[in-house]
C-alpha atoms as a PDB file:
ATOM      1  CA  UNK A   1      18.439  -4.125  14.234  1.00  0.00           C
ATOM      2  CA  UNK A   2      18.550  -0.378  14.471  1.00  0.00           C
ATOM      3  CA  UNK A   3      15.542   1.770  14.835  1.00  0.00           C
ATOM      4  CA  UNK A   4      15.184   4.854  12.656  1.00  0.00           C
ATOM      5  CA  UNK A   5      12.622   7.602  12.345  1.00  0.00           C
ATOM      6  CA  UNK A   6      12.305   9.299   9.053  1.00  0.00           C
ATOM      7  CA  UNK A   7      10.115  12.221   7.897  1.00  0.00           C
ATOM      8  CA  UNK A   8       7.937  11.780   4.776  1.00  0.00           C
ATOM      9  CA  UNK A   9      10.222  14.067   2.812  1.00  0.00           C
ATOM     10  CA  UNK A  10      13.317  12.072   3.862  1.00  0.00           C
ATOM     11  CA  UNK A  11      11.596   8.887   2.769  1.00  0.00           C
ATOM     12  CA  UNK A  12      10.747  10.414  -0.590  1.00  0.00           C
ATOM     13  CA  UNK A  13      14.385  11.500  -1.049  1.00  0.00           C
ATOM     14  CA  UNK A  14      15.525   8.001  -0.209  1.00  0.00           C
ATOM     15  CA  UNK A  15      13.026   6.495  -2.592  1.00  0.00           C
ATOM     16  CA  UNK A  16      14.104   8.843  -5.362  1.00  0.00           C
ATOM     17  CA  UNK A  17      17.834   7.998  -4.903  1.00  0.00           C
ATOM     18  CA  UNK A  18      16.943   4.268  -4.901  1.00  0.00           C
ATOM     19  CA  UNK A  19      15.048   4.571  -8.173  1.00  0.00           C
ATOM     20  CA  UNK A  20      17.848   6.674  -9.731  1.00  0.00           C
ATOM     21  CA  UNK A  21      20.375   4.017  -8.711  1.00  0.00           C
ATOM     22  CA  UNK A  22      18.304   1.212 -10.120  1.00  0.00           C
ATOM     23  CA  UNK A  23      17.947   2.894 -13.544  1.00  0.00           C
ATOM     24  CA  UNK A  24      21.660   2.529 -14.311  1.00  0.00           C
ATOM     25  CA  UNK A  25      22.017  -1.082 -13.167  1.00  0.00           C
ATOM     26  CA  UNK A  26      21.780  -4.184 -15.481  1.00  0.00           C
ATOM     27  CA  UNK A  27      18.662  -6.243 -15.057  1.00  0.00           C
ATOM     28  CA  UNK A  28      20.404  -9.100 -13.194  1.00  0.00           C
ATOM     29  CA  UNK A  29      21.747  -6.632 -10.631  1.00  0.00           C
ATOM     30  CA  UNK A  30      18.429  -4.891 -10.210  1.00  0.00           C
ATOM     31  CA  UNK A  31      16.705  -8.136  -9.385  1.00  0.00           C
ATOM     32  CA  UNK A  32      19.499  -9.453  -7.186  1.00  0.00           C
ATOM     33  CA  UNK A  33      20.942 -13.008  -7.372  1.00  0.00           C
ATOM     34  CA  UNK A  34      17.789 -14.572  -6.056  1.00  0.00           C
ATOM     35  CA  UNK A  35      15.237 -12.279  -7.756  1.00  0.00           C
ATOM     36  CA  UNK A  36      14.553 -10.480  -4.457  1.00  0.00           C
ATOM     37  CA  UNK A  37      14.380  -6.952  -5.924  1.00  0.00           C
ATOM     38  CA  UNK A  38      10.509  -6.936  -5.815  1.00  0.00           C
ATOM     39  CA  UNK A  39      10.440  -8.217  -2.256  1.00  0.00           C
ATOM     40  CA  UNK A  40      12.675  -5.362  -1.113  1.00  0.00           C
ATOM     41  CA  UNK A  41      10.515  -2.852  -2.918  1.00  0.00           C
ATOM     42  CA  UNK A  42       7.315  -4.370  -1.343  1.00  0.00           C
ATOM     43  CA  UNK A  43       8.926  -4.315   2.127  1.00  0.00           C
ATOM     44  CA  UNK A  44       9.857  -0.702   1.652  1.00  0.00           C
ATOM     45  CA  UNK A  45       6.295   0.152   0.641  1.00  0.00           C
ATOM     46  CA  UNK A  46       4.851  -1.762   3.615  1.00  0.00           C
ATOM     47  CA  UNK A  47       7.204  -0.042   6.015  1.00  0.00           C
ATOM     48  CA  UNK A  48       6.630   3.400   4.574  1.00  0.00           C
ATOM     49  CA  UNK A  49       2.839   3.169   4.550  1.00  0.00           C
ATOM     50  CA  UNK A  50       2.592   1.555   7.966  1.00  0.00           C
ATOM     51  CA  UNK A  51       4.748   4.309   9.449  1.00  0.00           C
ATOM     52  CA  UNK A  52       2.611   7.028   7.713  1.00  0.00           C
ATOM     53  CA  UNK A  53      -0.582   5.469   9.040  1.00  0.00           C
ATOM     54  CA  UNK A  54       0.865   5.075  12.551  1.00  0.00           C
ATOM     55  CA  UNK A  55       1.767   8.809  12.482  1.00  0.00           C
ATOM     56  CA  UNK A  56      -1.635  10.102  11.365  1.00  0.00           C
ATOM     57  CA  UNK A  57      -3.776   7.818  13.588  1.00  0.00           C
ATOM     58  CA  UNK A  58      -4.900   9.222  16.874  1.00  0.00           C
ATOM     59  CA  UNK A  59      -4.193   7.202  19.980  1.00  0.00           C
ATOM     60  CA  UNK A  60      -7.973   6.772  20.694  1.00  0.00           C
ATOM     61  CA  UNK A  61      -8.993   6.438  17.070  1.00  0.00           C
ATOM     62  CA  UNK A  62     -10.988   3.269  16.231  1.00  0.00           C
ATOM     63  CA  UNK A  63     -10.758   1.530  12.894  1.00  0.00           C
ATOM     64  CA  UNK A  64     -13.460  -0.483  11.191  1.00  0.00           C
ATOM     65  CA  UNK A  65     -13.449  -4.241  12.098  1.00  0.00           C
ATOM     66  CA  UNK A  66     -12.287  -5.199   8.557  1.00  0.00           C
ATOM     67  CA  UNK A  67      -9.357  -2.771   8.807  1.00  0.00           C
ATOM     68  CA  UNK A  68      -8.201  -4.181  12.080  1.00  0.00           C
ATOM     69  CA  UNK A  69      -8.508  -7.685  10.648  1.00  0.00           C
ATOM     70  CA  UNK A  70      -6.415  -6.844   7.670  1.00  0.00           C
ATOM     71  CA  UNK A  71      -3.761  -5.289   9.893  1.00  0.00           C
ATOM     72  CA  UNK A  72      -3.677  -8.347  12.141  1.00  0.00           C
ATOM     73  CA  UNK A  73      -3.369 -10.721   9.152  1.00  0.00           C
ATOM     74  CA  UNK A  74      -0.626  -8.591   7.706  1.00  0.00           C
ATOM     75  CA  UNK A  75       1.262  -8.610  10.961  1.00  0.00           C
ATOM     76  CA  UNK A  76       1.039 -12.388  11.193  1.00  0.00           C
ATOM     77  CA  UNK A  77       2.188 -12.800   7.603  1.00  0.00           C
ATOM     78  CA  UNK A  78       5.261 -10.549   8.154  1.00  0.00           C
ATOM     79  CA  UNK A  79       6.143 -12.303  11.407  1.00  0.00           C
ATOM     80  CA  UNK A  80       6.043 -15.656   9.629  1.00  0.00           C
ATOM     81  CA  UNK A  81       8.265 -14.474   6.846  1.00  0.00           C
ATOM     82  CA  UNK A  82      10.753 -12.805   9.290  1.00  0.00           C
ATOM     83  CA  UNK A  83      10.883 -15.934  11.479  1.00  0.00           C
ATOM     84  CA  UNK A  84      11.532 -18.196   8.434  1.00  0.00           C
ATOM     85  CA  UNK A  85      14.151 -15.787   7.070  1.00  0.00           C
ATOM     86  CA  UNK A  86      15.940 -15.578  10.409  1.00  0.00           C
ATOM     87  CA  UNK A  87      15.817 -19.371  10.822  1.00  0.00           C
ATOM     88  CA  UNK A  88      17.370 -19.859   7.342  1.00  0.00           C
ATOM     89  CA  UNK A  89      20.019 -17.331   8.062  1.00  0.00           C
ATOM     90  CA  UNK A  90      20.878 -19.007  11.386  1.00  0.00           C
ATOM     91  CA  UNK A  91      20.878 -22.442   9.776  1.00  0.00           C
ATOM     92  CA  UNK A  92      23.150 -21.204   6.990  1.00  0.00           C
ATOM     93  CA  UNK A  93      25.567 -19.725   9.548  1.00  0.00           C
ATOM     94  CA  UNK A  94      25.245 -21.410  12.933  1.00  0.00           C
ATOM     95  CA  UNK A  95      27.388 -18.634  14.459  1.00  0.00           C
ATOM     96  CA  UNK A  96      24.462 -16.364  13.781  1.00  0.00           C
ATOM     97  CA  UNK A  97      22.891 -17.240  17.118  1.00  0.00           C
ATOM     98  CA  UNK A  98      26.023 -15.928  18.853  1.00  0.00           C
ATOM     99  CA  UNK A  99      25.866 -12.618  17.085  1.00  0.00           C
ATOM    100  CA  UNK A 100      22.169 -11.883  17.439  1.00  0.00           C
ATOM    101  CA  UNK A 101      21.195  -9.086  19.842  1.00  0.00           C
ATOM    102  CA  UNK A 102      17.995 -10.428  21.470  1.00  0.00           C
ATOM    103  CA  UNK A 103      17.369  -7.093  23.170  1.00  0.00           C
ATOM    104  CA  UNK A 104      16.654  -5.552  19.750  1.00  0.00           C
ATOM    105  CA  UNK A 105      14.516  -8.426  18.421  1.00  0.00           C
ATOM    106  CA  UNK A 106      10.915  -7.354  17.897  1.00  0.00           C
ATOM    107  CA  UNK A 107       8.382 -10.053  17.101  1.00  0.00           C
END
């Protein structure tokens, strides 16, 4: 898993390119074989907004309790999905455990 840092303008450019690419594809290709198109869009939105908030928040800034609670719930939800997805990928290909780089695993 590589780590990348993008500026907001770079993210907008990537988003625009993705949208333009999707316009010319047939519906079945846009959605993917398993209908995962929306999930990928949602993950992109989550990542983009989380990065933006992380950038604008001060190190000593405090959030309202309800905001911290929502962030904690979201983190747990994403962790659950990633663990299940990784497990499914490993079960489908038992060699996956041999190729995983545990130094880059963030959970």
